[in-house]
Amino acid sequence: MGETLNLSNLQPAQPREDRKRVGRGQGSGKGRYAGRGIKGQKSRAGSHKMRAGFEGGQMPIQMRFGKLRGSTSKDAMPVGPFRTSTVPVNIRDLDRFEAGDEVTPETLVAKRLIKNTKTDVKLLGVGEISMKLTVRVHGISASAREKIEAAGGTVELLRAPKELKKKHHKAKVEAPAAAETPADAEVNGGDLVADQVAEPHGEAPAVEEPEAE
């Protein structure tokens, strides 16, 4: 039978270990550098909480690579892939309206089709519509306009469409006129005779000898 447990023989199941008290003087064994070593990045506060992609202060990889220029860049606002200066609304979404209603950015917000009126609204032609509506938006596609007007509705743009810039083509340079040939000179009233035209260049014309009597 085991010994009866009482306050005189009460003890933990495992021996207790004193916690490490760093920076408590030279005699503690963890003074001076407090277990961090001498200098360096890892001896500083916050050295183990570096952001993802941190390369120790050297030029990061996203800055070493070339930049994508032109209209396909993420920085090219408002153009570029998945970048637009208008919020799209399709015709199929207008089924929340009733015949004769007025479709404006404010009513689209009320119907929870768009979040706010800070961005221009463009109506696109995806879907069908059969009721008469009065549409007042910033932009509309050709197919959407055709379907709205076919249903008896009207379209009014809140902002004039931008005019496309005309491309200026450089004038073609005409080739220099060909040198005038001897035959052309004779036709044009020159002093050359037909015999000179027939003879090759650099040779004198043949002279006929008189017949002996």
N, C-alpha and C. Protein backbone atom coordinates (compact mmCIF):
# COMPACT_ATOMS: atom_id res chain seq x y z
N MET A 1 0.84 -1.19 0.00
CA MET A 1 0.00 0.00 0.00
C MET A 1 0.88 1.24 0.00
N GLY A 2 0.55 2.16 -0.89
CA GLY A 2 1.37 3.34 -1.02
C GLY A 2 1.23 4.30 0.14
N GLU A 3 2.14 5.23 0.15
CA GLU A 3 2.15 6.23 1.21
C GLU A 3 0.97 7.17 1.04
N THR A 4 0.38 7.52 2.12
CA THR A 4 -0.78 8.41 2.07
C THR A 4 -0.33 9.82 1.68
N LEU A 5 -1.08 10.39 0.74
CA LEU A 5 -0.74 11.73 0.23
C LEU A 5 -1.22 12.80 1.20
N ASN A 6 -0.30 13.64 1.67
CA ASN A 6 -0.64 14.76 2.52
C ASN A 6 0.26 15.95 2.19
N LEU A 7 0.10 17.07 2.88
CA LEU A 7 0.85 18.27 2.55
C LEU A 7 2.35 18.11 2.75
N SER A 8 2.77 17.15 3.58
CA SER A 8 4.19 16.99 3.85
C SER A 8 4.92 16.29 2.72
N ASN A 9 4.20 15.43 1.97
CA ASN A 9 4.86 14.71 0.87
C ASN A 9 4.29 15.11 -0.50
N LEU A 10 3.57 16.22 -0.60
CA LEU A 10 3.01 16.69 -1.89
C LEU A 10 4.11 17.29 -2.75
N GLN A 11 4.24 16.83 -4.00
CA GLN A 11 5.25 17.33 -4.94
C GLN A 11 4.76 17.11 -6.37
N PRO A 12 5.28 17.89 -7.31
CA PRO A 12 4.83 17.72 -8.70
C PRO A 12 5.27 16.39 -9.29
N ALA A 13 4.55 15.96 -10.33
CA ALA A 13 4.87 14.69 -10.96
C ALA A 13 6.22 14.74 -11.66
N GLN A 14 6.58 15.92 -12.20
CA GLN A 14 7.87 16.09 -12.87
C GLN A 14 8.63 17.21 -12.19
N PRO A 15 9.94 17.13 -12.18
CA PRO A 15 10.71 18.20 -11.54
C PRO A 15 10.52 19.53 -12.26
N ARG A 16 10.39 20.59 -11.55
CA ARG A 16 10.18 21.91 -12.12
C ARG A 16 11.49 22.48 -12.63
N GLU A 17 11.41 23.22 -13.70
CA GLU A 17 12.57 23.87 -14.28
C GLU A 17 12.37 25.36 -14.22
N ASP A 18 13.37 26.06 -13.73
CA ASP A 18 13.27 27.51 -13.66
C ASP A 18 13.30 28.10 -15.07
N ARG A 19 12.48 29.11 -15.32
CA ARG A 19 12.45 29.74 -16.62
C ARG A 19 13.71 30.56 -16.82
N LYS A 20 14.07 30.76 -18.05
CA LYS A 20 15.29 31.47 -18.40
C LYS A 20 15.06 32.97 -18.24
N ARG A 21 15.81 33.58 -17.34
CA ARG A 21 15.70 35.02 -17.10
C ARG A 21 16.89 35.70 -17.78
N VAL A 22 16.64 36.28 -18.98
CA VAL A 22 17.72 36.87 -19.76
C VAL A 22 17.87 38.33 -19.39
N GLY A 23 19.09 38.85 -19.57
CA GLY A 23 19.35 40.25 -19.32
C GLY A 23 19.25 40.64 -17.86
N ARG A 24 19.66 39.76 -16.97
CA ARG A 24 19.57 40.06 -15.54
C ARG A 24 20.96 40.11 -14.91
N GLY A 25 21.92 40.61 -15.68
CA GLY A 25 23.25 40.77 -15.13
C GLY A 25 24.20 39.67 -15.57
N GLN A 26 25.50 39.97 -15.43
CA GLN A 26 26.53 39.03 -15.88
C GLN A 26 26.48 37.72 -15.10
N GLY A 27 26.15 37.79 -13.81
CA GLY A 27 26.17 36.56 -13.00
C GLY A 27 25.04 35.62 -13.33
N SER A 28 24.01 36.06 -14.05
CA SER A 28 22.89 35.17 -14.35
C SER A 28 23.20 34.17 -15.44
N GLY A 29 24.29 34.41 -16.18
CA GLY A 29 24.61 33.53 -17.30
C GLY A 29 23.93 33.94 -18.60
N LYS A 30 22.94 34.82 -18.52
CA LYS A 30 22.26 35.30 -19.74
C LYS A 30 22.22 36.83 -19.73
N GLY A 31 23.31 37.42 -19.31
CA GLY A 31 23.39 38.87 -19.33
C GLY A 31 24.09 39.35 -20.59
N ARG A 32 24.40 40.60 -20.62
CA ARG A 32 25.10 41.24 -21.74
C ARG A 32 24.35 41.10 -23.07
N TYR A 33 24.44 39.98 -23.76
CA TYR A 33 23.78 39.83 -25.07
C TYR A 33 22.44 39.10 -24.96
N ALA A 34 22.09 38.58 -23.80
CA ALA A 34 20.79 37.95 -23.56
C ALA A 34 20.47 36.85 -24.56
N GLY A 35 21.46 36.08 -24.96
CA GLY A 35 21.23 34.94 -25.84
C GLY A 35 21.07 35.28 -27.30
N ARG A 36 21.26 36.57 -27.69
CA ARG A 36 21.06 36.98 -29.08
C ARG A 36 22.36 37.00 -29.89
N GLY A 37 23.49 36.84 -29.27
CA GLY A 37 24.73 36.93 -30.01
C GLY A 37 25.20 38.37 -30.15
N ILE A 38 26.30 38.56 -30.87
CA ILE A 38 26.89 39.89 -31.02
C ILE A 38 26.39 40.54 -32.30
N LYS A 39 25.66 41.63 -32.18
CA LYS A 39 25.22 42.45 -33.31
C LYS A 39 24.49 41.62 -34.38
N GLY A 40 24.32 42.21 -35.53
CA GLY A 40 23.69 41.52 -36.65
C GLY A 40 22.19 41.73 -36.68
N GLN A 41 21.59 41.33 -37.80
CA GLN A 41 20.16 41.55 -38.01
C GLN A 41 19.31 40.78 -37.01
N LYS A 42 19.72 39.55 -36.70
CA LYS A 42 18.91 38.71 -35.82
C LYS A 42 19.01 39.11 -34.35
N SER A 43 19.89 40.04 -34.03
CA SER A 43 19.96 40.52 -32.65
C SER A 43 19.03 41.71 -32.42
N ARG A 44 18.39 42.19 -33.51
CA ARG A 44 17.51 43.35 -33.39
C ARG A 44 16.07 42.91 -33.14
N ALA A 45 15.31 43.82 -32.59
CA ALA A 45 13.89 43.54 -32.38
C ALA A 45 13.16 43.49 -33.71
N GLY A 46 12.23 42.55 -33.84
CA GLY A 46 11.44 42.42 -35.06
C GLY A 46 12.15 41.74 -36.19
N SER A 47 13.31 41.12 -35.95
CA SER A 47 14.07 40.50 -37.04
C SER A 47 13.40 39.24 -37.54
N HIS A 48 12.51 38.64 -36.78
CA HIS A 48 11.84 37.40 -37.20
C HIS A 48 10.43 37.67 -37.72
N LYS A 49 10.13 38.93 -37.98
CA LYS A 49 8.81 39.30 -38.49
C LYS A 49 8.94 40.06 -39.81
N MET A 50 9.80 39.57 -40.69
CA MET A 50 10.03 40.24 -41.97
C MET A 50 8.90 39.89 -42.94
N ARG A 51 8.60 40.82 -43.83
CA ARG A 51 7.52 40.62 -44.79
C ARG A 51 7.93 39.56 -45.81
N ALA A 52 6.94 39.00 -46.47
CA ALA A 52 7.17 38.00 -47.50
C ALA A 52 7.91 38.62 -48.68
N GLY A 53 8.91 37.96 -49.16
CA GLY A 53 9.68 38.47 -50.28
C GLY A 53 10.84 39.36 -49.90
N PHE A 54 11.06 39.59 -48.58
CA PHE A 54 12.17 40.42 -48.15
C PHE A 54 13.48 39.69 -48.42
N GLU A 55 14.43 40.36 -49.06
CA GLU A 55 15.68 39.73 -49.48
C GLU A 55 16.88 40.35 -48.78
N GLY A 56 16.69 40.75 -47.54
CA GLY A 56 17.83 41.24 -46.80
C GLY A 56 18.28 42.63 -47.20
N GLY A 57 17.44 43.41 -47.81
CA GLY A 57 17.80 44.77 -48.18
C GLY A 57 18.27 44.92 -49.60
N GLN A 58 18.55 43.81 -50.31
CA GLN A 58 18.96 43.96 -51.71
C GLN A 58 17.73 44.23 -52.58
N MET A 59 17.98 44.57 -53.83
CA MET A 59 16.90 44.90 -54.74
C MET A 59 15.97 43.71 -54.89
N PRO A 60 14.68 43.84 -54.53
CA PRO A 60 13.77 42.70 -54.61
C PRO A 60 13.53 42.27 -56.05
N ILE A 61 13.07 41.04 -56.20
CA ILE A 61 12.96 40.45 -57.54
C ILE A 61 11.95 41.18 -58.40
N GLN A 62 10.86 41.70 -57.80
CA GLN A 62 9.85 42.39 -58.61
C GLN A 62 10.36 43.71 -59.15
N MET A 63 11.43 44.25 -58.55
CA MET A 63 12.02 45.48 -59.05
C MET A 63 13.17 45.21 -60.01
N ARG A 64 13.74 44.00 -59.91
CA ARG A 64 14.83 43.65 -60.83
C ARG A 64 14.29 43.28 -62.20
N PHE A 65 13.09 42.75 -62.27
CA PHE A 65 12.51 42.37 -63.54
C PHE A 65 12.05 43.59 -64.31
N GLY A 66 11.96 43.44 -65.64
CA GLY A 66 11.50 44.53 -66.49
C GLY A 66 10.04 44.83 -66.25
N LYS A 67 9.65 46.05 -66.51
CA LYS A 67 8.28 46.48 -66.30
C LYS A 67 7.48 46.30 -67.59
N LEU A 68 6.23 45.90 -67.45
CA LEU A 68 5.36 45.73 -68.60
C LEU A 68 4.73 47.07 -68.94
N ARG A 69 5.06 47.56 -70.10
CA ARG A 69 4.58 48.88 -70.51
C ARG A 69 3.33 48.74 -71.38
N GLY A 70 2.70 49.85 -71.63
CA GLY A 70 1.59 49.88 -72.56
C GLY A 70 0.24 49.67 -71.90
N SER A 71 -0.77 49.42 -72.72
CA SER A 71 -2.15 49.33 -72.23
C SER A 71 -2.44 48.05 -71.50
N THR A 72 -1.50 47.07 -71.52
CA THR A 72 -1.72 45.80 -70.83
C THR A 72 -1.13 45.80 -69.43
N SER A 73 -0.61 46.93 -68.99
CA SER A 73 -0.01 46.99 -67.66
C SER A 73 -1.07 47.20 -66.60
N LYS A 74 -0.85 46.66 -65.40
CA LYS A 74 -1.79 46.85 -64.31
C LYS A 74 -1.84 48.31 -63.88
N ASP A 75 -0.74 49.04 -64.13
CA ASP A 75 -0.68 50.43 -63.71
C ASP A 75 -1.32 51.37 -64.73
N ALA A 76 -1.71 50.84 -65.89
CA ALA A 76 -2.25 51.69 -66.95
C ALA A 76 -3.74 51.87 -66.75
N MET A 77 -4.12 52.75 -65.86
CA MET A 77 -5.53 53.00 -65.60
C MET A 77 -6.02 54.14 -66.52
N PRO A 78 -7.24 54.12 -67.00
CA PRO A 78 -8.21 53.05 -66.76
C PRO A 78 -8.19 51.95 -67.78
N VAL A 79 -7.18 51.92 -68.71
CA VAL A 79 -7.13 50.87 -69.71
C VAL A 79 -6.35 49.70 -69.15
N GLY A 80 -6.32 48.62 -69.88
CA GLY A 80 -5.59 47.44 -69.43
C GLY A 80 -6.54 46.29 -69.16
N PRO A 81 -6.01 45.10 -68.93
CA PRO A 81 -6.86 43.93 -68.68
C PRO A 81 -7.65 44.08 -67.39
N PHE A 82 -8.95 43.82 -67.46
CA PHE A 82 -9.83 43.87 -66.30
C PHE A 82 -9.86 45.26 -65.67
N ARG A 83 -9.49 46.28 -66.44
CA ARG A 83 -9.53 47.64 -65.93
C ARG A 83 -10.54 48.43 -66.76
N THR A 84 -11.42 49.16 -66.11
CA THR A 84 -12.40 49.92 -66.85
C THR A 84 -12.77 51.15 -66.03
N SER A 85 -13.21 52.17 -66.73
CA SER A 85 -13.63 53.40 -66.05
C SER A 85 -15.15 53.46 -65.93
N THR A 86 -15.86 52.40 -66.30
CA THR A 86 -17.30 52.35 -66.19
C THR A 86 -17.71 51.05 -65.50
N VAL A 87 -18.90 51.07 -64.90
CA VAL A 87 -19.45 49.86 -64.29
C VAL A 87 -20.50 49.30 -65.25
N PRO A 88 -20.39 48.02 -65.64
CA PRO A 88 -21.31 47.47 -66.63
C PRO A 88 -22.62 47.00 -66.02
N VAL A 89 -23.70 47.21 -66.76
CA VAL A 89 -25.02 46.70 -66.39
C VAL A 89 -25.62 46.11 -67.65
N ASN A 90 -26.06 44.86 -67.58
CA ASN A 90 -26.64 44.18 -68.74
C ASN A 90 -28.15 44.40 -68.80
N ILE A 91 -28.69 44.24 -70.01
CA ILE A 91 -30.13 44.43 -70.20
C ILE A 91 -30.93 43.41 -69.39
N ARG A 92 -30.39 42.20 -69.25
CA ARG A 92 -31.11 41.17 -68.52
C ARG A 92 -31.32 41.56 -67.05
N ASP A 93 -30.49 42.50 -66.53
CA ASP A 93 -30.63 42.93 -65.14
C ASP A 93 -31.75 43.95 -64.95
N LEU A 94 -32.32 44.46 -66.06
CA LEU A 94 -33.36 45.48 -65.95
C LEU A 94 -34.74 44.88 -65.70
N ASP A 95 -34.81 43.54 -65.47
CA ASP A 95 -36.11 42.93 -65.19
C ASP A 95 -36.66 43.34 -63.83
N ARG A 96 -35.83 44.02 -63.02
CA ARG A 96 -36.31 44.52 -61.73
C ARG A 96 -37.16 45.78 -61.88
N PHE A 97 -37.10 46.39 -63.06
CA PHE A 97 -37.91 47.58 -63.32
C PHE A 97 -39.26 47.16 -63.91
N GLU A 98 -40.21 48.08 -63.87
CA GLU A 98 -41.51 47.88 -64.48
C GLU A 98 -41.63 48.74 -65.73
N ALA A 99 -42.58 48.41 -66.57
CA ALA A 99 -42.77 49.15 -67.82
C ALA A 99 -43.04 50.62 -67.53
N GLY A 100 -42.34 51.48 -68.27
CA GLY A 100 -42.50 52.91 -68.09
C GLY A 100 -41.56 53.53 -67.08
N ASP A 101 -40.77 52.71 -66.38
CA ASP A 101 -39.83 53.24 -65.39
C ASP A 101 -38.66 53.95 -66.07
N GLU A 102 -37.99 54.76 -65.29
CA GLU A 102 -36.82 55.48 -65.76
C GLU A 102 -35.56 54.84 -65.17
N VAL A 103 -34.65 54.47 -66.03
CA VAL A 103 -33.41 53.82 -65.61
C VAL A 103 -32.31 54.87 -65.56
N THR A 104 -31.86 55.20 -64.37
CA THR A 104 -30.78 56.16 -64.16
C THR A 104 -29.79 55.57 -63.17
N PRO A 105 -28.61 56.16 -63.03
CA PRO A 105 -27.67 55.65 -62.01
C PRO A 105 -28.28 55.62 -60.61
N GLU A 106 -29.13 56.59 -60.28
CA GLU A 106 -29.74 56.61 -58.95
C GLU A 106 -30.73 55.46 -58.77
N THR A 107 -31.54 55.19 -59.81
CA THR A 107 -32.49 54.08 -59.69
C THR A 107 -31.78 52.72 -59.72
N LEU A 108 -30.64 52.65 -60.41
CA LEU A 108 -29.86 51.40 -60.41
C LEU A 108 -29.29 51.13 -59.02
N VAL A 109 -28.91 52.19 -58.31
CA VAL A 109 -28.44 52.02 -56.93
C VAL A 109 -29.59 51.57 -56.04
N ALA A 110 -30.77 52.15 -56.26
CA ALA A 110 -31.94 51.78 -55.46
C ALA A 110 -32.33 50.32 -55.68
N LYS A 111 -32.13 49.82 -56.92
CA LYS A 111 -32.44 48.43 -57.22
C LYS A 111 -31.28 47.49 -56.89
N ARG A 112 -30.20 48.07 -56.34
CA ARG A 112 -29.02 47.30 -55.93
C ARG A 112 -28.33 46.59 -57.11
N LEU A 113 -28.39 47.24 -58.27
CA LEU A 113 -27.65 46.73 -59.43
C LEU A 113 -26.23 47.27 -59.46
N ILE A 114 -26.01 48.45 -58.89
CA ILE A 114 -24.67 49.00 -58.73
C ILE A 114 -24.54 49.51 -57.30
N LYS A 115 -23.29 49.72 -56.86
CA LYS A 115 -23.05 50.11 -55.48
C LYS A 115 -23.28 51.59 -55.24
N ASN A 116 -22.78 52.43 -56.15
CA ASN A 116 -22.91 53.88 -55.96
C ASN A 116 -22.86 54.56 -57.31
N THR A 117 -22.95 55.87 -57.29
CA THR A 117 -22.96 56.65 -58.53
C THR A 117 -21.62 57.34 -58.80
N LYS A 118 -20.57 56.88 -58.13
CA LYS A 118 -19.26 57.50 -58.33
C LYS A 118 -18.66 57.16 -59.69
N THR A 119 -19.02 55.98 -60.22
CA THR A 119 -18.47 55.52 -61.49
C THR A 119 -19.54 55.58 -62.56
N ASP A 120 -19.13 55.92 -63.79
CA ASP A 120 -20.06 55.98 -64.90
C ASP A 120 -20.68 54.61 -65.16
N VAL A 121 -21.91 54.62 -65.65
CA VAL A 121 -22.66 53.39 -65.93
C VAL A 121 -22.74 53.19 -67.43
N LYS A 122 -22.45 51.96 -67.87
CA LYS A 122 -22.58 51.61 -69.28
C LYS A 122 -23.51 50.41 -69.40
N LEU A 123 -24.53 50.53 -70.23
CA LEU A 123 -25.50 49.47 -70.44
C LEU A 123 -25.05 48.58 -71.59
N LEU A 124 -24.99 47.28 -71.33
CA LEU A 124 -24.55 46.31 -72.33
C LEU A 124 -25.74 45.47 -72.80
N GLY A 125 -25.57 44.82 -73.94
CA GLY A 125 -26.70 44.15 -74.58
C GLY A 125 -26.85 42.68 -74.30
N VAL A 126 -26.36 42.19 -73.16
CA VAL A 126 -26.51 40.77 -72.83
C VAL A 126 -27.91 40.54 -72.29
N GLY A 127 -28.68 39.66 -72.93
CA GLY A 127 -30.04 39.38 -72.49
C GLY A 127 -31.07 40.02 -73.41
N GLU A 128 -32.33 39.88 -73.01
CA GLU A 128 -33.44 40.42 -73.80
C GLU A 128 -34.32 41.29 -72.91
N ILE A 129 -35.09 42.18 -73.55
CA ILE A 129 -36.01 43.05 -72.83
C ILE A 129 -37.25 43.25 -73.70
N SER A 130 -38.42 43.27 -73.05
CA SER A 130 -39.67 43.39 -73.78
C SER A 130 -40.53 44.56 -73.31
N MET A 131 -40.09 45.28 -72.28
CA MET A 131 -40.89 46.39 -71.76
C MET A 131 -40.26 47.73 -72.13
N LYS A 132 -41.10 48.75 -72.15
CA LYS A 132 -40.68 50.09 -72.54
C LYS A 132 -40.05 50.79 -71.35
N LEU A 133 -38.82 51.25 -71.54
CA LEU A 133 -38.08 51.93 -70.48
C LEU A 133 -37.44 53.19 -71.02
N THR A 134 -37.26 54.14 -70.14
CA THR A 134 -36.51 55.36 -70.46
C THR A 134 -35.14 55.25 -69.80
N VAL A 135 -34.12 55.12 -70.61
CA VAL A 135 -32.77 54.83 -70.11
C VAL A 135 -31.94 56.10 -70.20
N ARG A 136 -31.36 56.50 -69.07
CA ARG A 136 -30.44 57.63 -69.02
C ARG A 136 -29.17 57.17 -68.31
N VAL A 137 -28.16 56.82 -69.09
CA VAL A 137 -26.89 56.33 -68.56
C VAL A 137 -25.75 57.05 -69.26
N HIS A 138 -24.53 56.77 -68.81
CA HIS A 138 -23.37 57.46 -69.37
C HIS A 138 -22.92 56.86 -70.70
N GLY A 139 -23.17 55.57 -70.87
CA GLY A 139 -22.75 54.91 -72.11
C GLY A 139 -23.63 53.71 -72.38
N ILE A 140 -23.72 53.31 -73.66
CA ILE A 140 -24.54 52.17 -74.04
C ILE A 140 -23.94 51.55 -75.29
N SER A 141 -24.00 50.23 -75.36
CA SER A 141 -23.49 49.54 -76.54
C SER A 141 -24.51 49.60 -77.67
N ALA A 142 -24.05 49.31 -78.87
CA ALA A 142 -24.94 49.38 -80.03
C ALA A 142 -26.05 48.34 -79.94
N SER A 143 -25.74 47.14 -79.48
CA SER A 143 -26.76 46.10 -79.37
C SER A 143 -27.79 46.44 -78.29
N ALA A 144 -27.33 47.03 -77.18
CA ALA A 144 -28.26 47.41 -76.11
C ALA A 144 -29.20 48.51 -76.58
N ARG A 145 -28.68 49.49 -77.31
CA ARG A 145 -29.52 50.57 -77.83
C ARG A 145 -30.58 50.01 -78.79
N GLU A 146 -30.16 49.07 -79.62
CA GLU A 146 -31.08 48.49 -80.59
C GLU A 146 -32.22 47.75 -79.88
N LYS A 147 -31.90 47.01 -78.82
CA LYS A 147 -32.93 46.25 -78.11
C LYS A 147 -33.86 47.17 -77.32
N ILE A 148 -33.31 48.21 -76.72
CA ILE A 148 -34.15 49.16 -75.97
C ILE A 148 -35.13 49.86 -76.89
N GLU A 149 -34.64 50.34 -78.03
CA GLU A 149 -35.51 51.05 -78.98
C GLU A 149 -36.50 50.11 -79.66
N ALA A 150 -36.10 48.83 -79.86
CA ALA A 150 -37.04 47.87 -80.45
C ALA A 150 -38.20 47.58 -79.52
N ALA A 151 -37.98 47.69 -78.21
CA ALA A 151 -39.04 47.46 -77.23
C ALA A 151 -39.88 48.72 -77.00
N GLY A 152 -39.57 49.80 -77.70
CA GLY A 152 -40.34 51.03 -77.57
C GLY A 152 -39.76 52.04 -76.60
N GLY A 153 -38.60 51.75 -76.04
CA GLY A 153 -38.00 52.66 -75.09
C GLY A 153 -37.13 53.71 -75.75
N THR A 154 -36.59 54.59 -74.94
CA THR A 154 -35.72 55.66 -75.43
C THR A 154 -34.41 55.63 -74.66
N VAL A 155 -33.38 56.15 -75.31
CA VAL A 155 -32.04 56.16 -74.72
C VAL A 155 -31.51 57.58 -74.75
N GLU A 156 -30.97 58.02 -73.62
CA GLU A 156 -30.36 59.35 -73.51
C GLU A 156 -29.04 59.21 -72.77
N LEU A 157 -27.99 59.71 -73.39
CA LEU A 157 -26.66 59.61 -72.79
C LEU A 157 -26.41 60.80 -71.88
N LEU A 158 -25.91 60.51 -70.69
CA LEU A 158 -25.59 61.57 -69.74
C LEU A 158 -24.23 62.20 -70.03
N ARG A 159 -23.46 61.58 -70.89
CA ARG A 159 -22.13 62.11 -71.25
C ARG A 159 -21.92 61.86 -72.73
N ALA A 160 -21.45 62.86 -73.42
CA ALA A 160 -21.23 62.73 -74.87
C ALA A 160 -20.14 61.69 -75.12
N PRO A 161 -20.34 60.84 -76.13
CA PRO A 161 -19.30 59.83 -76.43
C PRO A 161 -18.02 60.48 -76.92
N LYS A 162 -16.91 59.85 -76.60
CA LYS A 162 -15.61 60.38 -77.01
C LYS A 162 -15.40 60.13 -78.50
N GLU A 163 -14.86 61.14 -79.15
CA GLU A 163 -14.57 61.01 -80.57
C GLU A 163 -13.22 60.31 -80.75
N LEU A 164 -13.23 59.34 -81.64
CA LEU A 164 -12.00 58.62 -81.91
C LEU A 164 -11.05 59.49 -82.72
N LYS A 165 -9.78 59.45 -82.35
CA LYS A 165 -8.79 60.23 -83.07
C LYS A 165 -8.51 59.61 -84.43
N LYS A 166 -8.46 60.48 -85.44
CA LYS A 166 -8.17 60.00 -86.77
C LYS A 166 -6.67 59.78 -86.93
N LYS A 167 -6.35 58.68 -87.54
CA LYS A 167 -4.95 58.36 -87.78
C LYS A 167 -4.44 59.15 -88.98
N HIS A 168 -3.29 59.77 -88.80
CA HIS A 168 -2.69 60.54 -89.88
C HIS A 168 -1.69 59.66 -90.61
N HIS A 169 -1.97 59.43 -91.88
CA HIS A 169 -1.08 58.61 -92.70
C HIS A 169 -0.07 59.52 -93.42
N LYS A 170 1.14 59.06 -93.43
CA LYS A 170 2.19 59.83 -94.12
C LYS A 170 1.99 59.74 -95.62
N ALA A 171 2.23 60.88 -96.30
CA ALA A 171 2.10 60.91 -97.75
C ALA A 171 3.18 60.06 -98.40
N LYS A 172 2.76 59.30 -99.41
CA LYS A 172 3.72 58.44 -100.09
C LYS A 172 4.62 59.28 -100.99
N VAL A 173 5.90 58.97 -100.97
CA VAL A 173 6.88 59.68 -101.81
C VAL A 173 6.89 59.05 -103.19
N GLU A 174 6.63 59.88 -104.22
CA GLU A 174 6.60 59.36 -105.59
C GLU A 174 8.01 59.04 -106.07
N ALA A 175 8.11 57.96 -106.83
CA ALA A 175 9.41 57.55 -107.37
C ALA A 175 9.86 58.54 -108.43
N PRO A 176 11.16 58.80 -108.56
CA PRO A 176 11.65 59.73 -109.58
C PRO A 176 11.35 59.22 -110.98
N ALA A 177 11.09 60.15 -111.89
CA ALA A 177 10.76 59.79 -113.27
C ALA A 177 11.94 59.11 -113.93
N ALA A 178 11.63 58.11 -114.78
CA ALA A 178 12.69 57.37 -115.49
C ALA A 178 13.38 58.28 -116.51
N ALA A 179 14.66 57.98 -116.75
CA ALA A 179 15.42 58.79 -117.72
C ALA A 179 14.82 58.63 -119.11
N GLU A 180 14.84 59.69 -119.86
CA GLU A 180 14.25 59.69 -121.20
C GLU A 180 15.15 58.93 -122.16
N THR A 181 14.56 57.95 -122.84
CA THR A 181 15.30 57.15 -123.80
C THR A 181 15.41 57.89 -125.13
N PRO A 182 16.33 57.47 -125.99
CA PRO A 182 16.45 58.12 -127.31
C PRO A 182 15.17 58.04 -128.12
N ALA A 183 14.45 56.91 -128.02
CA ALA A 183 13.20 56.80 -128.78
C ALA A 183 12.18 57.81 -128.28
N ASP A 184 12.11 57.97 -126.95
CA ASP A 184 11.19 58.97 -126.39
C ASP A 184 11.57 60.37 -126.83
N ALA A 185 12.86 60.63 -126.90
CA ALA A 185 13.30 61.96 -127.33
C ALA A 185 12.86 62.26 -128.75
N GLU A 186 12.90 61.25 -129.62
CA GLU A 186 12.49 61.48 -131.01
C GLU A 186 11.00 61.74 -131.08
N VAL A 187 10.24 60.95 -130.28
CA VAL A 187 8.79 61.14 -130.29
C VAL A 187 8.42 62.51 -129.75
N ASN A 188 9.18 62.97 -128.73
CA ASN A 188 8.89 64.26 -128.10
C ASN A 188 9.45 65.44 -128.87
N GLY A 189 9.93 65.25 -130.08
CA GLY A 189 10.41 66.37 -130.89
C GLY A 189 11.89 66.62 -130.72
N GLY A 190 12.67 65.60 -130.38
CA GLY A 190 14.11 65.77 -130.22
C GLY A 190 14.81 65.85 -131.56
N ASP A 191 16.13 66.03 -131.53
CA ASP A 191 16.92 66.16 -132.75
C ASP A 191 17.49 64.83 -133.22
N LEU A 192 17.19 63.70 -132.42
CA LEU A 192 17.77 62.43 -132.83
C LEU A 192 17.02 61.89 -134.03
N VAL A 193 17.74 61.14 -134.86
CA VAL A 193 17.15 60.52 -136.04
C VAL A 193 16.98 59.05 -135.78
N ALA A 194 16.22 58.37 -136.60
CA ALA A 194 15.92 56.95 -136.39
C ALA A 194 17.16 56.10 -136.50
N ASP A 195 18.14 56.51 -137.40
CA ASP A 195 19.34 55.71 -137.55
C ASP A 195 20.15 55.70 -136.27
N GLN A 196 20.22 56.84 -135.59
CA GLN A 196 20.98 56.90 -134.34
C GLN A 196 20.32 56.07 -133.25
N VAL A 197 19.00 55.98 -133.29
CA VAL A 197 18.31 55.18 -132.29
C VAL A 197 18.60 53.72 -132.51
N ALA A 198 18.67 53.29 -133.77
CA ALA A 198 18.89 51.87 -134.07
C ALA A 198 20.28 51.43 -133.71
N GLU A 199 21.31 52.32 -133.82
CA GLU A 199 22.68 51.93 -133.55
C GLU A 199 22.90 51.78 -132.05
N PRO A 200 23.70 50.82 -131.66
CA PRO A 200 24.04 50.68 -130.24
C PRO A 200 24.90 51.84 -129.78
N HIS A 201 24.90 52.07 -128.44
CA HIS A 201 25.65 53.17 -127.89
C HIS A 201 27.15 52.93 -128.06
N GLY A 202 27.90 54.00 -128.39
CA GLY A 202 29.36 53.92 -128.49
C GLY A 202 29.86 53.56 -129.86
N GLU A 203 28.98 53.26 -130.85
CA GLU A 203 29.40 52.90 -132.18
C GLU A 203 28.92 53.95 -133.17
N ALA A 204 29.80 54.28 -134.13
CA ALA A 204 29.45 55.27 -135.15
C ALA A 204 28.55 54.65 -136.20
N PRO A 205 27.66 55.39 -136.84
CA PRO A 205 26.79 54.82 -137.89
C PRO A 205 27.60 54.42 -139.12
N ALA A 206 27.17 53.39 -139.80
CA ALA A 206 27.91 52.89 -141.01
C ALA A 206 27.77 53.88 -142.14
N VAL A 207 28.87 54.07 -142.93
CA VAL A 207 28.89 55.01 -144.07
C VAL A 207 28.94 54.19 -145.34
N GLU A 208 28.00 54.43 -146.28
CA GLU A 208 27.95 53.69 -147.53
C GLU A 208 29.00 54.22 -148.52
N GLU A 209 29.78 53.31 -149.15
CA GLU A 209 30.80 53.69 -150.14
C GLU A 209 30.13 53.87 -151.51
N PRO A 210 30.67 54.86 -152.30
CA PRO A 210 30.08 55.05 -153.66
C PRO A 210 30.43 53.88 -154.59
N GLU A 211 29.51 53.53 -155.51
CA GLU A 211 29.75 52.41 -156.41
C GLU A 211 30.75 52.85 -157.50
N ALA A 212 31.65 51.91 -157.88
CA ALA A 212 32.65 52.19 -158.96
C ALA A 212 31.94 52.19 -160.32
N GLU A 213 32.32 53.14 -161.22
CA GLU A 213 31.71 53.20 -162.57
C GLU A 213 32.45 52.28 -163.52
